[in-house]
Structures are given as structure tokens and as C-alpha cells.
mmCIF file of all heavy atoms, coordinates in Angstrom:
data_MODEL
# 
_entry.id   MODEL 
# 
loop_
_atom_site.group_PDB 
_atom_site.id 
_atom_site.type_symbol 
_atom_site.label_atom_id 
_atom_site.label_alt_id 
_atom_site.label_comp_id 
_atom_site.label_asym_id 
_atom_site.label_entity_id 
_atom_site.label_seq_id 
_atom_site.pdbx_PDB_ins_code 
_atom_site.Cartn_x 
_atom_site.Cartn_y 
_atom_site.Cartn_z 
_atom_site.occupancy 
_atom_site.B_iso_or_equiv 
_atom_site.pdbx_formal_charge 
_atom_site.auth_seq_id 
_atom_site.auth_comp_id 
_atom_site.auth_asym_id 
_atom_site.auth_atom_id 
_atom_site.pdbx_PDB_model_num 
ATOM 1   N N   . VAL A 1 1  ? 3.169   4.720  -2.793  1.00 0.00 ? 1  VAL A N   1 
ATOM 2   C CA  . VAL A 1 1  ? 4.373   3.918  -2.597  1.00 0.00 ? 1  VAL A CA  1 
ATOM 3   C C   . VAL A 1 1  ? 5.509   4.476  -3.447  1.00 0.00 ? 1  VAL A C   1 
ATOM 4   O O   . VAL A 1 1  ? 5.314   4.809  -4.616  1.00 0.00 ? 1  VAL A O   1 
ATOM 5   C CB  . VAL A 1 1  ? 4.115   2.420  -2.930  1.00 0.00 ? 1  VAL A CB  1 
ATOM 6   C CG1 . VAL A 1 1  ? 3.510   2.247  -4.325  1.00 0.00 ? 1  VAL A CG1 1 
ATOM 7   C CG2 . VAL A 1 1  ? 5.399   1.595  -2.813  1.00 0.00 ? 1  VAL A CG2 1 
ATOM 8   N N   . PHE A 1 2  ? 6.684   4.604  -2.834  1.00 0.00 ? 2  PHE A N   1 
ATOM 9   C CA  . PHE A 1 2  ? 7.884   5.021  -3.554  1.00 0.00 ? 2  PHE A CA  1 
ATOM 10  C C   . PHE A 1 2  ? 8.627   3.774  -3.985  1.00 0.00 ? 2  PHE A C   1 
ATOM 11  O O   . PHE A 1 2  ? 9.022   2.956  -3.163  1.00 0.00 ? 2  PHE A O   1 
ATOM 12  C CB  . PHE A 1 2  ? 8.775   5.882  -2.657  1.00 0.00 ? 2  PHE A CB  1 
ATOM 13  C CG  . PHE A 1 2  ? 9.945   6.475  -3.393  1.00 0.00 ? 2  PHE A CG  1 
ATOM 14  C CD1 . PHE A 1 2  ? 9.774   7.577  -4.224  1.00 0.00 ? 2  PHE A CD1 1 
ATOM 15  C CD2 . PHE A 1 2  ? 11.215  5.943  -3.262  1.00 0.00 ? 2  PHE A CD2 1 
ATOM 16  C CE1 . PHE A 1 2  ? 10.855  8.128  -4.907  1.00 0.00 ? 2  PHE A CE1 1 
ATOM 17  C CE2 . PHE A 1 2  ? 12.294  6.482  -3.943  1.00 0.00 ? 2  PHE A CE2 1 
ATOM 18  C CZ  . PHE A 1 2  ? 12.102  7.580  -4.768  1.00 0.00 ? 2  PHE A CZ  1 
ATOM 19  N N   . PHE A 1 3  ? 8.766   3.598  -5.289  1.00 0.00 ? 3  PHE A N   1 
ATOM 20  C CA  . PHE A 1 3  ? 9.357   2.377  -5.829  1.00 0.00 ? 3  PHE A CA  1 
ATOM 21  C C   . PHE A 1 3  ? 10.038  2.699  -7.152  1.00 0.00 ? 3  PHE A C   1 
ATOM 22  O O   . PHE A 1 3  ? 9.472   3.396  -7.988  1.00 0.00 ? 3  PHE A O   1 
ATOM 23  C CB  . PHE A 1 3  ? 8.249   1.331  -6.029  1.00 0.00 ? 3  PHE A CB  1 
ATOM 24  C CG  . PHE A 1 3  ? 8.728   0.001  -6.542  1.00 0.00 ? 3  PHE A CG  1 
ATOM 25  C CD1 . PHE A 1 3  ? 9.657   -0.747 -5.832  1.00 0.00 ? 3  PHE A CD1 1 
ATOM 26  C CD2 . PHE A 1 3  ? 8.248   -0.509 -7.732  1.00 0.00 ? 3  PHE A CD2 1 
ATOM 27  C CE1 . PHE A 1 3  ? 10.104  -1.977 -6.304  1.00 0.00 ? 3  PHE A CE1 1 
ATOM 28  C CE2 . PHE A 1 3  ? 8.679   -1.746 -8.212  1.00 0.00 ? 3  PHE A CE2 1 
ATOM 29  C CZ  . PHE A 1 3  ? 9.610   -2.469 -7.493  1.00 0.00 ? 3  PHE A CZ  1 
ATOM 30  N N   . ARG A 1 4  ? 11.253  2.196  -7.324  1.00 0.00 ? 4  ARG A N   1 
ATOM 31  C CA  . ARG A 1 4  ? 12.038  2.444  -8.542  1.00 0.00 ? 4  ARG A CA  1 
ATOM 32  C C   . ARG A 1 4  ? 12.092  3.936  -8.881  1.00 0.00 ? 4  ARG A C   1 
ATOM 33  O O   . ARG A 1 4  ? 11.931  4.349  -10.027 1.00 0.00 ? 4  ARG A O   1 
ATOM 34  C CB  . ARG A 1 4  ? 11.482  1.632  -9.712  1.00 0.00 ? 4  ARG A CB  1 
ATOM 35  C CG  . ARG A 1 4  ? 11.697  0.136  -9.481  1.00 0.00 ? 4  ARG A CG  1 
ATOM 36  C CD  . ARG A 1 4  ? 11.214  -0.730 -10.612 1.00 0.00 ? 4  ARG A CD  1 
ATOM 37  N NE  . ARG A 1 4  ? 11.293  -2.148 -10.198 1.00 0.00 ? 4  ARG A NE  1 
ATOM 38  C CZ  . ARG A 1 4  ? 10.678  -3.139 -10.818 1.00 0.00 ? 4  ARG A CZ  1 
ATOM 39  N NH1 . ARG A 1 4  ? 9.941   -2.901 -11.891 1.00 0.00 ? 4  ARG A NH1 1 
ATOM 40  N NH2 . ARG A 1 4  ? 10.793  -4.370 -10.379 1.00 0.00 ? 4  ARG A NH2 1 
ATOM 41  N N   . GLY A 1 5  ? 12.298  4.725  -7.847  1.00 0.00 ? 5  GLY A N   1 
ATOM 42  C CA  . GLY A 1 5  ? 12.567  6.144  -8.058  1.00 0.00 ? 5  GLY A CA  1 
ATOM 43  C C   . GLY A 1 5  ? 11.367  7.046  -8.256  1.00 0.00 ? 5  GLY A C   1 
ATOM 44  O O   . GLY A 1 5  ? 11.533  8.216  -8.556  1.00 0.00 ? 5  GLY A O   1 
ATOM 45  N N   . THR A 1 6  ? 10.146  6.530  -8.090  1.00 0.00 ? 6  THR A N   1 
ATOM 46  C CA  . THR A 1 6  ? 8.979   7.384  -8.310  1.00 0.00 ? 6  THR A CA  1 
ATOM 47  C C   . THR A 1 6  ? 7.844   7.022  -7.355  1.00 0.00 ? 6  THR A C   1 
ATOM 48  O O   . THR A 1 6  ? 7.785   5.891  -6.853  1.00 0.00 ? 6  THR A O   1 
ATOM 49  C CB  . THR A 1 6  ? 8.497   7.278  -9.773  1.00 0.00 ? 6  THR A CB  1 
ATOM 50  O OG1 . THR A 1 6  ? 7.455   8.227  -9.983  1.00 0.00 ? 6  THR A OG1 1 
ATOM 51  C CG2 . THR A 1 6  ? 7.973   5.895  -10.098 1.00 0.00 ? 6  THR A CG2 1 
ATOM 52  N N   . TRP A 1 7  ? 6.960   7.978  -7.089  1.00 0.00 ? 7  TRP A N   1 
ATOM 53  C CA  . TRP A 1 7  ? 5.788   7.715  -6.252  1.00 0.00 ? 7  TRP A CA  1 
ATOM 54  C C   . TRP A 1 7  ? 4.644   7.207  -7.127  1.00 0.00 ? 7  TRP A C   1 
ATOM 55  O O   . TRP A 1 7  ? 4.389   7.741  -8.196  1.00 0.00 ? 7  TRP A O   1 
ATOM 56  C CB  . TRP A 1 7  ? 5.354   8.977  -5.509  1.00 0.00 ? 7  TRP A CB  1 
ATOM 57  C CG  . TRP A 1 7  ? 6.274   9.315  -4.375  1.00 0.00 ? 7  TRP A CG  1 
ATOM 58  C CD1 . TRP A 1 7  ? 7.309   10.216 -4.394  1.00 0.00 ? 7  TRP A CD1 1 
ATOM 59  C CD2 . TRP A 1 7  ? 6.268   8.752  -3.054  1.00 0.00 ? 7  TRP A CD2 1 
ATOM 60  N NE1 . TRP A 1 7  ? 7.942   10.228 -3.177  1.00 0.00 ? 7  TRP A NE1 1 
ATOM 61  C CE2 . TRP A 1 7  ? 7.325   9.347  -2.332  1.00 0.00 ? 7  TRP A CE2 1 
ATOM 62  C CE3 . TRP A 1 7  ? 5.466   7.791  -2.423  1.00 0.00 ? 7  TRP A CE3 1 
ATOM 63  C CZ2 . TRP A 1 7  ? 7.605   9.024  -1.008  1.00 0.00 ? 7  TRP A CZ2 1 
ATOM 64  C CZ3 . TRP A 1 7  ? 5.744   7.473  -1.097  1.00 0.00 ? 7  TRP A CZ3 1 
ATOM 65  C CH2 . TRP A 1 7  ? 6.796   8.085  -0.397  1.00 0.00 ? 7  TRP A CH2 1 
ATOM 66  N N   . SER A 1 8  ? 3.967   6.164  -6.651  1.00 0.00 ? 8  SER A N   1 
ATOM 67  C CA  . SER A 1 8  ? 2.845   5.560  -7.372  1.00 0.00 ? 8  SER A CA  1 
ATOM 68  C C   . SER A 1 8  ? 1.671   5.356  -6.423  1.00 0.00 ? 8  SER A C   1 
ATOM 69  O O   . SER A 1 8  ? 1.830   5.394  -5.203  1.00 0.00 ? 8  SER A O   1 
ATOM 70  C CB  . SER A 1 8  ? 3.238   4.206  -7.962  1.00 0.00 ? 8  SER A CB  1 
ATOM 71  O OG  . SER A 1 8  ? 4.321   4.342  -8.856  1.00 0.00 ? 8  SER A OG  1 
ATOM 72  N N   . THR A 1 9  ? 0.501   5.125  -7.006  1.00 0.00 ? 9  THR A N   1 
ATOM 73  C CA  . THR A 1 9  ? -0.665  4.793  -6.190  1.00 0.00 ? 9  THR A CA  1 
ATOM 74  C C   . THR A 1 9  ? -0.856  3.281  -6.151  1.00 0.00 ? 9  THR A C   1 
ATOM 75  O O   . THR A 1 9  ? -0.193  2.529  -6.875  1.00 0.00 ? 9  THR A O   1 
ATOM 76  C CB  . THR A 1 9  ? -1.933  5.468  -6.759  1.00 0.00 ? 9  THR A CB  1 
ATOM 77  O OG1 . THR A 1 9  ? -1.907  5.382  -8.179  1.00 0.00 ? 9  THR A OG1 1 
ATOM 78  C CG2 . THR A 1 9  ? -2.003  6.928  -6.350  1.00 0.00 ? 9  THR A CG2 1 
ATOM 79  N N   . VAL A 1 10 ? -1.772  2.831  -5.293  1.00 0.00 ? 10 VAL A N   1 
ATOM 80  C CA  . VAL A 1 10 ? -2.021  1.409  -5.078  1.00 0.00 ? 10 VAL A CA  1 
ATOM 81  C C   . VAL A 1 10 ? -3.461  1.097  -5.493  1.00 0.00 ? 10 VAL A C   1 
ATOM 82  O O   . VAL A 1 10 ? -4.375  1.880  -5.231  1.00 0.00 ? 10 VAL A O   1 
ATOM 83  C CB  . VAL A 1 10 ? -1.791  1.051  -3.592  1.00 0.00 ? 10 VAL A CB  1 
ATOM 84  C CG1 . VAL A 1 10 ? -2.220  -0.383 -3.295  1.00 0.00 ? 10 VAL A CG1 1 
ATOM 85  C CG2 . VAL A 1 10 ? -0.322  1.264  -3.225  1.00 0.00 ? 10 VAL A CG2 1 
ATOM 86  N N   . CYS A 1 11 ? -3.647  -0.047 -6.154  1.00 0.00 ? 11 CYS A N   1 
ATOM 87  C CA  . CYS A 1 11 ? -4.973  -0.396 -6.668  1.00 0.00 ? 11 CYS A CA  1 
ATOM 88  C C   . CYS A 1 11 ? -5.900  -0.886 -5.553  1.00 0.00 ? 11 CYS A C   1 
ATOM 89  O O   . CYS A 1 11 ? -5.512  -1.689 -4.711  1.00 0.00 ? 11 CYS A O   1 
ATOM 90  C CB  . CYS A 1 11 ? -4.846  -1.484 -7.727  1.00 0.00 ? 11 CYS A CB  1 
ATOM 91  S SG  . CYS A 1 11 ? -3.777  -0.966 -9.066  1.00 0.00 ? 11 CYS A SG  1 
ATOM 92  N N   . TYR A 1 12 ? -7.142  -0.416 -5.605  1.00 0.00 ? 12 TYR A N   1 
ATOM 93  C CA  . TYR A 1 12 ? -8.135  -0.757 -4.593  1.00 0.00 ? 12 TYR A CA  1 
ATOM 94  C C   . TYR A 1 12 ? -8.677  -2.174 -4.772  1.00 0.00 ? 12 TYR A C   1 
ATOM 95  O O   . TYR A 1 12 ? -9.214  -2.760 -3.843  1.00 0.00 ? 12 TYR A O   1 
ATOM 96  C CB  . TYR A 1 12 ? -9.288  0.257  -4.655  1.00 0.00 ? 12 TYR A CB  1 
ATOM 97  C CG  . TYR A 1 12 ? -10.196 0.226  -3.454  1.00 0.00 ? 12 TYR A CG  1 
ATOM 98  C CD1 . TYR A 1 12 ? -9.811  0.825  -2.256  1.00 0.00 ? 12 TYR A CD1 1 
ATOM 99  C CD2 . TYR A 1 12 ? -11.436 -0.409 -3.503  1.00 0.00 ? 12 TYR A CD2 1 
ATOM 100 C CE1 . TYR A 1 12 ? -10.631 0.800  -1.143  1.00 0.00 ? 12 TYR A CE1 1 
ATOM 101 C CE2 . TYR A 1 12 ? -12.270 -0.444 -2.390  1.00 0.00 ? 12 TYR A CE2 1 
ATOM 102 C CZ  . TYR A 1 12 ? -11.859 0.165  -1.213  1.00 0.00 ? 12 TYR A CZ  1 
ATOM 103 O OH  . TYR A 1 12 ? -12.667 0.128  -0.107  1.00 0.00 ? 12 TYR A OH  1 
ATOM 104 N N   . SER A 1 13 ? -8.495  -2.737 -5.973  1.00 0.00 ? 13 SER A N   1 
ATOM 105 C CA  . SER A 1 13 ? -9.147  -4.012 -6.305  1.00 0.00 ? 13 SER A CA  1 
ATOM 106 C C   . SER A 1 13 ? -8.755  -5.167 -5.371  1.00 0.00 ? 13 SER A C   1 
ATOM 107 O O   . SER A 1 13 ? -9.544  -6.079 -5.148  1.00 0.00 ? 13 SER A O   1 
ATOM 108 C CB  . SER A 1 13 ? -8.841  -4.405 -7.755  1.00 0.00 ? 13 SER A CB  1 
ATOM 109 O OG  . SER A 1 13 ? -7.444  -4.412 -7.969  1.00 0.00 ? 13 SER A OG  1 
ATOM 110 N N   . THR A 1 14 ? -7.541  -5.137 -4.812  1.00 0.00 ? 14 THR A N   1 
ATOM 111 C CA  . THR A 1 14 ? -7.142  -6.202 -3.879  1.00 0.00 ? 14 THR A CA  1 
ATOM 112 C C   . THR A 1 14 ? -6.772  -5.614 -2.512  1.00 0.00 ? 14 THR A C   1 
ATOM 113 O O   . THR A 1 14 ? -5.998  -6.206 -1.758  1.00 0.00 ? 14 THR A O   1 
ATOM 114 C CB  . THR A 1 14 ? -5.929  -6.998 -4.418  1.00 0.00 ? 14 THR A CB  1 
ATOM 115 O OG1 . THR A 1 14 ? -4.836  -6.087 -4.623  1.00 0.00 ? 14 THR A OG1 1 
ATOM 116 C CG2 . THR A 1 14 ? -6.267  -7.698 -5.728  1.00 0.00 ? 14 THR A CG2 1 
ATOM 117 N N   . TRP A 1 15 ? -7.304  -4.436 -2.218  1.00 0.00 ? 15 TRP A N   1 
ATOM 118 C CA  . TRP A 1 15 ? -6.960  -3.737 -0.976  1.00 0.00 ? 15 TRP A CA  1 
ATOM 119 C C   . TRP A 1 15 ? -7.990  -4.074 0.103   1.00 0.00 ? 15 TRP A C   1 
ATOM 120 O O   . TRP A 1 15 ? -9.062  -3.497 0.169   1.00 0.00 ? 15 TRP A O   1 
ATOM 121 C CB  . TRP A 1 15 ? -6.917  -2.235 -1.227  1.00 0.00 ? 15 TRP A CB  1 
ATOM 122 C CG  . TRP A 1 15 ? -6.416  -1.412 -0.084  1.00 0.00 ? 15 TRP A CG  1 
ATOM 123 C CD1 . TRP A 1 15 ? -7.141  -0.564 0.706   1.00 0.00 ? 15 TRP A CD1 1 
ATOM 124 C CD2 . TRP A 1 15 ? -5.064  -1.341 0.397   1.00 0.00 ? 15 TRP A CD2 1 
ATOM 125 N NE1 . TRP A 1 15 ? -6.331  0.021  1.643   1.00 0.00 ? 15 TRP A NE1 1 
ATOM 126 C CE2 . TRP A 1 15 ? -5.053  -0.438 1.480   1.00 0.00 ? 15 TRP A CE2 1 
ATOM 127 C CE3 . TRP A 1 15 ? -3.872  -1.967 0.020   1.00 0.00 ? 15 TRP A CE3 1 
ATOM 128 C CZ2 . TRP A 1 15 ? -3.883  -0.135 2.186   1.00 0.00 ? 15 TRP A CZ2 1 
ATOM 129 C CZ3 . TRP A 1 15 ? -2.718  -1.668 0.719   1.00 0.00 ? 15 TRP A CZ3 1 
ATOM 130 C CH2 . TRP A 1 15 ? -2.726  -0.765 1.784   1.00 0.00 ? 15 TRP A CH2 1 
ATOM 131 N N   . TYR A 1 16 ? -7.656  -5.070 0.932   1.00 0.00 ? 16 TYR A N   1 
ATOM 132 C CA  . TYR A 1 16 ? -8.582  -5.528 1.972   1.00 0.00 ? 16 TYR A CA  1 
ATOM 133 C C   . TYR A 1 16 ? -8.034  -5.204 3.365   1.00 0.00 ? 16 TYR A C   1 
ATOM 134 O O   . TYR A 1 16 ? -6.994  -4.562 3.494   1.00 0.00 ? 16 TYR A O   1 
ATOM 135 C CB  . TYR A 1 16 ? -8.813  -7.036 1.819   1.00 0.00 ? 16 TYR A CB  1 
ATOM 136 C CG  . TYR A 1 16 ? -9.434  -7.407 0.494   1.00 0.00 ? 16 TYR A CG  1 
ATOM 137 C CD1 . TYR A 1 16 ? -8.687  -8.065 -0.480  1.00 0.00 ? 16 TYR A CD1 1 
ATOM 138 C CD2 . TYR A 1 16 ? -10.759 -7.067 0.206   1.00 0.00 ? 16 TYR A CD2 1 
ATOM 139 C CE1 . TYR A 1 16 ? -9.246  -8.392 -1.715  1.00 0.00 ? 16 TYR A CE1 1 
ATOM 140 C CE2 . TYR A 1 16 ? -11.332 -7.391 -1.020  1.00 0.00 ? 16 TYR A CE2 1 
ATOM 141 C CZ  . TYR A 1 16 ? -10.570 -8.049 -1.974  1.00 0.00 ? 16 TYR A CZ  1 
ATOM 142 O OH  . TYR A 1 16 ? -11.123 -8.363 -3.186  1.00 0.00 ? 16 TYR A OH  1 
ATOM 143 N N   . ASP A 1 17 ? -8.721  -5.658 4.389   1.00 0.00 ? 17 ASP A N   1 
ATOM 144 C CA  . ASP A 1 17 ? -8.304  -5.332 5.756   1.00 0.00 ? 17 ASP A CA  1 
ATOM 145 C C   . ASP A 1 17 ? -6.886  -5.819 6.068   1.00 0.00 ? 17 ASP A C   1 
ATOM 146 O O   . ASP A 1 17 ? -6.148  -5.148 6.789   1.00 0.00 ? 17 ASP A O   1 
ATOM 147 C CB  . ASP A 1 17 ? -9.285  -5.923 6.776   1.00 0.00 ? 17 ASP A CB  1 
ATOM 148 C CG  . ASP A 1 17 ? -10.484 -4.997 6.999   1.00 0.00 ? 17 ASP A CG  1 
ATOM 149 O OD1 . ASP A 1 17 ? -10.462 -3.865 6.475   1.00 0.00 ? 17 ASP A OD1 1 
ATOM 150 O OD2 . ASP A 1 17 ? -11.433 -5.402 7.694   1.00 0.00 ? 17 ASP A OD2 1 
ATOM 151 N N   . THR A 1 18 ? -6.505  -6.988 5.523   1.00 0.00 ? 18 THR A N   1 
ATOM 152 C CA  . THR A 1 18 ? -5.158  -7.509 5.808   1.00 0.00 ? 18 THR A CA  1 
ATOM 153 C C   . THR A 1 18 ? -4.088  -6.552 5.282   1.00 0.00 ? 18 THR A C   1 
ATOM 154 O O   . THR A 1 18 ? -3.168  -6.168 6.008   1.00 0.00 ? 18 THR A O   1 
ATOM 155 C CB  . THR A 1 18 ? -4.964  -8.905 5.176   1.00 0.00 ? 18 THR A CB  1 
ATOM 156 O OG1 . THR A 1 18 ? -5.995  -9.761 5.648   1.00 0.00 ? 18 THR A OG1 1 
ATOM 157 C CG2 . THR A 1 18 ? -3.621  -9.501 5.565   1.00 0.00 ? 18 THR A CG2 1 
ATOM 158 N N   . GLU A 1 19 ? -4.233  -6.149 4.019   1.00 0.00 ? 19 GLU A N   1 
ATOM 159 C CA  . GLU A 1 19 ? -3.254  -5.233 3.416   1.00 0.00 ? 19 GLU A CA  1 
ATOM 160 C C   . GLU A 1 19 ? -3.228  -3.901 4.169   1.00 0.00 ? 19 GLU A C   1 
ATOM 161 O O   . GLU A 1 19 ? -2.153  -3.351 4.467   1.00 0.00 ? 19 GLU A O   1 
ATOM 162 C CB  . GLU A 1 19 ? -3.584  -4.995 1.937   1.00 0.00 ? 19 GLU A CB  1 
ATOM 163 C CG  . GLU A 1 19 ? -3.362  -6.188 1.026   1.00 0.00 ? 19 GLU A CG  1 
ATOM 164 C CD  . GLU A 1 19 ? -4.445  -7.257 1.117   1.00 0.00 ? 19 GLU A CD  1 
ATOM 165 O OE1 . GLU A 1 19 ? -5.540  -6.991 1.655   1.00 0.00 ? 19 GLU A OE1 1 
ATOM 166 O OE2 . GLU A 1 19 ? -4.198  -8.369 0.636   1.00 0.00 ? 19 GLU A OE2 1 
ATOM 167 N N   . ALA A 1 20 ? -4.409  -3.385 4.478   1.00 0.00 ? 20 ALA A N   1 
ATOM 168 C CA  . ALA A 1 20 ? -4.505  -2.096 5.164   1.00 0.00 ? 20 ALA A CA  1 
ATOM 169 C C   . ALA A 1 20 ? -3.902  -2.169 6.567   1.00 0.00 ? 20 ALA A C   1 
ATOM 170 O O   . ALA A 1 20 ? -3.229  -1.237 7.015   1.00 0.00 ? 20 ALA A O   1 
ATOM 171 C CB  . ALA A 1 20 ? -5.964  -1.643 5.225   1.00 0.00 ? 20 ALA A CB  1 
ATOM 172 N N   . THR A 1 21 ? -4.123  -3.302 7.253   1.00 0.00 ? 21 THR A N   1 
ATOM 173 C CA  . THR A 1 21 ? -3.567  -3.481 8.600   1.00 0.00 ? 21 THR A CA  1 
ATOM 174 C C   . THR A 1 21 ? -2.041  -3.527 8.556   1.00 0.00 ? 21 THR A C   1 
ATOM 175 O O   . THR A 1 21 ? -1.363  -2.906 9.385   1.00 0.00 ? 21 THR A O   1 
ATOM 176 C CB  . THR A 1 21 ? -4.113  -4.782 9.242   1.00 0.00 ? 21 THR A CB  1 
ATOM 177 O OG1 . THR A 1 21 ? -5.533  -4.673 9.334   1.00 0.00 ? 21 THR A OG1 1 
ATOM 178 C CG2 . THR A 1 21 ? -3.538  -4.990 10.633  1.00 0.00 ? 21 THR A CG2 1 
ATOM 179 N N   . VAL A 1 22 ? -1.496  -4.255 7.581   1.00 0.00 ? 22 VAL A N   1 
ATOM 180 C CA  . VAL A 1 22 ? -0.038  -4.321 7.430   1.00 0.00 ? 22 VAL A CA  1 
ATOM 181 C C   . VAL A 1 22 ? 0.538   -2.914 7.283   1.00 0.00 ? 22 VAL A C   1 
ATOM 182 O O   . VAL A 1 22 ? 1.520   -2.550 7.944   1.00 0.00 ? 22 VAL A O   1 
ATOM 183 C CB  . VAL A 1 22 ? 0.356   -5.195 6.216   1.00 0.00 ? 22 VAL A CB  1 
ATOM 184 C CG1 . VAL A 1 22 ? 1.846   -5.049 5.897   1.00 0.00 ? 22 VAL A CG1 1 
ATOM 185 C CG2 . VAL A 1 22 ? 0.019   -6.661 6.482   1.00 0.00 ? 22 VAL A CG2 1 
ATOM 186 N N   . LEU A 1 23 ? -0.101  -2.090 6.465   1.00 0.00 ? 23 LEU A N   1 
ATOM 187 C CA  . LEU A 1 23 ? 0.422   -0.742 6.240   1.00 0.00 ? 23 LEU A CA  1 
ATOM 188 C C   . LEU A 1 23 ? 0.273   0.130  7.485   1.00 0.00 ? 23 LEU A C   1 
ATOM 189 O O   . LEU A 1 23 ? 1.220   0.829  7.863   1.00 0.00 ? 23 LEU A O   1 
ATOM 190 C CB  . LEU A 1 23 ? -0.283  -0.077 5.055   1.00 0.00 ? 23 LEU A CB  1 
ATOM 191 C CG  . LEU A 1 23 ? 0.245   1.321  4.734   1.00 0.00 ? 23 LEU A CG  1 
ATOM 192 C CD1 . LEU A 1 23 ? 1.741   1.290  4.424   1.00 0.00 ? 23 LEU A CD1 1 
ATOM 193 C CD2 . LEU A 1 23 ? -0.512  1.941  3.575   1.00 0.00 ? 23 LEU A CD2 1 
ATOM 194 N N   . CYS A 1 24 ? -0.885  0.097  8.132   1.00 0.00 ? 24 CYS A N   1 
ATOM 195 C CA  . CYS A 1 24 ? -1.067  0.899  9.354   1.00 0.00 ? 24 CYS A CA  1 
ATOM 196 C C   . CYS A 1 24 ? 0.016   0.574  10.378  1.00 0.00 ? 24 CYS A C   1 
ATOM 197 O O   . CYS A 1 24 ? 0.611   1.468  10.980  1.00 0.00 ? 24 CYS A O   1 
ATOM 198 C CB  . CYS A 1 24 ? -2.447  0.656  9.965   1.00 0.00 ? 24 CYS A CB  1 
ATOM 199 S SG  . CYS A 1 24 ? -3.830  1.417  9.066   1.00 0.00 ? 24 CYS A SG  1 
ATOM 200 N N   . ARG A 1 25 ? 0.295   -0.714 10.554  1.00 0.00 ? 25 ARG A N   1 
ATOM 201 C CA  . ARG A 1 25 ? 1.294   -1.129 11.544  1.00 0.00 ? 25 ARG A CA  1 
ATOM 202 C C   . ARG A 1 25 ? 2.699   -0.737 11.125  1.00 0.00 ? 25 ARG A C   1 
ATOM 203 O O   . ARG A 1 25 ? 3.515   -0.312 11.951  1.00 0.00 ? 25 ARG A O   1 
ATOM 204 C CB  . ARG A 1 25 ? 1.196   -2.633 11.789  1.00 0.00 ? 25 ARG A CB  1 
ATOM 205 C CG  . ARG A 1 25 ? -0.093  -3.009 12.508  1.00 0.00 ? 25 ARG A CG  1 
ATOM 206 C CD  . ARG A 1 25 ? -0.195  -4.498 12.777  1.00 0.00 ? 25 ARG A CD  1 
ATOM 207 N NE  . ARG A 1 25 ? -1.471  -4.826 13.419  1.00 0.00 ? 25 ARG A NE  1 
ATOM 208 C CZ  . ARG A 1 25 ? -1.840  -6.054 13.747  1.00 0.00 ? 25 ARG A CZ  1 
ATOM 209 N NH1 . ARG A 1 25 ? -1.044  -7.083 13.495  1.00 0.00 ? 25 ARG A NH1 1 
ATOM 210 N NH2 . ARG A 1 25 ? -3.009  -6.266 14.329  1.00 0.00 ? 25 ARG A NH2 1 
ATOM 211 N N   . THR A 1 26 ? 3.001   -0.867 9.823   1.00 0.00 ? 26 THR A N   1 
ATOM 212 C CA  . THR A 1 26 ? 4.317   -0.467 9.323   1.00 0.00 ? 26 THR A CA  1 
ATOM 213 C C   . THR A 1 26 ? 4.569   1.018  9.584   1.00 0.00 ? 26 THR A C   1 
ATOM 214 O O   . THR A 1 26 ? 5.679   1.429  9.909   1.00 0.00 ? 26 THR A O   1 
ATOM 215 C CB  . THR A 1 26 ? 4.426   -0.730 7.799   1.00 0.00 ? 26 THR A CB  1 
ATOM 216 O OG1 . THR A 1 26 ? 4.220   -2.115 7.551   1.00 0.00 ? 26 THR A OG1 1 
ATOM 217 C CG2 . THR A 1 26 ? 5.787   -0.341 7.257   1.00 0.00 ? 26 THR A CG2 1 
ATOM 218 N N   . LEU A 1 27 ? 3.528   1.829  9.425   1.00 0.00 ? 27 LEU A N   1 
ATOM 219 C CA  . LEU A 1 27 ? 3.654   3.279  9.597   1.00 0.00 ? 27 LEU A CA  1 
ATOM 220 C C   . LEU A 1 27 ? 3.570   3.686  11.074  1.00 0.00 ? 27 LEU A C   1 
ATOM 221 O O   . LEU A 1 27 ? 3.649   4.873  11.387  1.00 0.00 ? 27 LEU A O   1 
ATOM 222 C CB  . LEU A 1 27 ? 2.562   3.994  8.802   1.00 0.00 ? 27 LEU A CB  1 
ATOM 223 C CG  . LEU A 1 27 ? 2.642   3.850  7.279   1.00 0.00 ? 27 LEU A CG  1 
ATOM 224 C CD1 . LEU A 1 27 ? 1.435   4.504  6.618   1.00 0.00 ? 27 LEU A CD1 1 
ATOM 225 C CD2 . LEU A 1 27 ? 3.936   4.444  6.725   1.00 0.00 ? 27 LEU A CD2 1 
# 
């Protein structure tokens, strides 16, 4: 994710199907 001027990674601890689906559709 690009946020506040830099690229960062996303934590897997709360990464479920809902979050993943939102991103797939956004892209």
C-alpha cells in the first residue's frame, strides 16, 4: 500500500476473505 508518501506491507493477522475480496475487486 502506498500511503503518506511511501510503500508499506499489510499485516496478515487480520487479512481474511473479506479484505482480500475488497482488494481484488478494487484492482
